[in-house]
Amino acid sequence: MRDWTRMGRWTIEGDYAADGAVCVRQAFTPDQMEWARAAIDANLADLSPRAKRASAAGDGAFIEDFCNWSRLPSMERFIRRSPGAEIAAELSGSDTSRLYHDHVLVKEPGTKQRTPWHQDQPYYNVSGTQNASMWFQSTSTLRSTSGPMDWNGRTRCRATISSNR
C-alpha cells in the first residue's frame, strides 16, 4: 500500500504510525545537503575519541563517529537549521523534538565490509513511541544491504530521509 502525504516542501511515502517506517522525499534543499557534507568533512578531519573504524586496515575506510554536533559548528548548523527535527516531531506525533545523538557513518567506495541489516532502537537508551531514527545519504550509493523491503523493492529502514529522490 502506498500513502503519499505532503508536509511542507517534502513528501512522506508510507504510514509511520502503522508501519514504523516511511520514506521522506525532497526533505533537504541542495544548500542543506551541502551543510551536511561540510559537517561530515569536518567530522572526518577531526574525529572524536568515540570514532571507530569498522573495516580492516587493508579494506576501504568504513568509519563511524557519534555525538559531535556540540563541538562542530557545521554539524550544529545542519541539525538546527534543516527540517530534520520538524519531520521527526511530525512523524512521531510530538509538538517538540530532542536530539538523542548524531551518528556519522562514512563508507568509502569499494569497502568490502558489509553493513548488516539491523534495527536502531535497541542501541538507544530511550523508550516510548514518540521517537524517530532518521537515516539519509549525502552521496549516491551503488547498492544497498539486504533486509526488509519497502513498497518499491528497496531496503527498508526505520525512516529514510531523501534530499532529491
Foldseek 3Di string as FASTA:
>chain_A
DWDWDDDDPWIWTDQCVVPLEIEIAQQWEPVLLVLVVVQLVVCVVPPDPQKDFPADPVFFTKIKGKACLVPGVSNVCSVVPGCPFVVLCVNLVHPGGDDPMDMDIDTDPRGPDADEDDACVVVDPDDDRSGADEDEDSDDDDAHHDDDADPVRHHTYSYYYYNHD
